[in-house]
Amino acid sequence: MEAASEREELTLVARKPGFGLPTACPSCLPVYIYLKFAGVPFRLDFNLANPDSDQIPYVESGTYVAYNNEKGGVIESLKDDDVLDLDSELRSAPDFMSMRAMIGSWLEDALSYELWLGSDGSPAHKIYYTDLPWPLGKVLYLKQIQTVKQRLGITKENTERREAEIYRKATIAYGALSTRLGEEDFFFNRPSSLDAAFIGHALIVLQALPETSTLRNKLLQHDNLVQYAEKHKAQFVEASSSSSSASQFPSIPKRGSKPKSETKKERTPQEKTFRKRAKYFLIAQFVAVLLFLSIMGGASDDAEVEIDDDDEGFSYDE
């Protein structure tokens, strides 16, 4: 906490709000809640230009930047770099590390499955792609489906078995967490990264997934977990959302650099450079769309390329 007070104000750059949440991104919301638990002032900014970047979310303060794809994530970076550490007295507590790992693996896998493979895709589209042109959003969506399938080890032959295994592990995780929480306010009597990770997960499941969601219904079987998530949502998410200023960042900073907010109508050299790069990006992505569609059209009978019928019928109407 001392290290945090000596730095400039923190800025959390996340994906945009949605479903009544300050950010609808499953990776971003736990970081937002962690910063709220820490009680430090921070800005909330949104990056709309890089929906598929694994660097988002990231936290910065001055020249310091903690990216999502480094050191095990933003929260781990903040702890390792002595910026914010809520877990310093909990690492030796029984079950703390195992439960943290369970959320980061079993429940994260289950939510990824639901967002990309177990639903009609509308929640994922709203979180990641509504600000992109339809063809580009469609291609990135289909590309991410294949990425998730590979990460979860899902093939055409083992889909049912892997789905059952994913939900079985989620059921075990919810049961263990429910037992650990009991009627307490926190899992280990004080706010921690474990609480932030689970509350972020639970709020996405409860508010972003449809009522028919298998994962959502499994969570609803544990009243204490649902009440716990809703209580902290009211305290740390809804009540404090107006106190965090929000703006939009056009691009991801390189390490050691800090993006600047727009305060004047005149374009800075950096903004002009970004606009040029954005044009090149859109042109490159358009070419990628054409290549992707031509490849997919020519390989529709290839067993290695798996695009479900439901994916083809995905609607992007807002």
Foldseek 3Di string as FASTA:
>chain_A
DVLQVVFAAKEKEAACDDLPFRALDLQRQLVLLLVLQQVGAYAYEYAQQCLPDQQPTWMDTQLDIAGQPPCPGHQNVCVVVVNDAPCPPPPPPPPPVVLLVLLVPLLVLLVLCCCQPVDLNVLVCVNGPLVDPVLLSLVVSLVVSVVSCVVLVHAPVCPVVSNVVSVVSLLVSLVVQLVQCPQALDSVNGDHSSLSSLLSSLCSLCRRGDPPDPSNVSNVVRVNSNVSSVVVCVVRIVVCVVVHHYYYDHDDDDRRDDDDDDPDPDDDPVRVVSVVVSVVVVVVSVVVSVVVVVVCVVCVVPSRRDDDPSSVVRDSDD
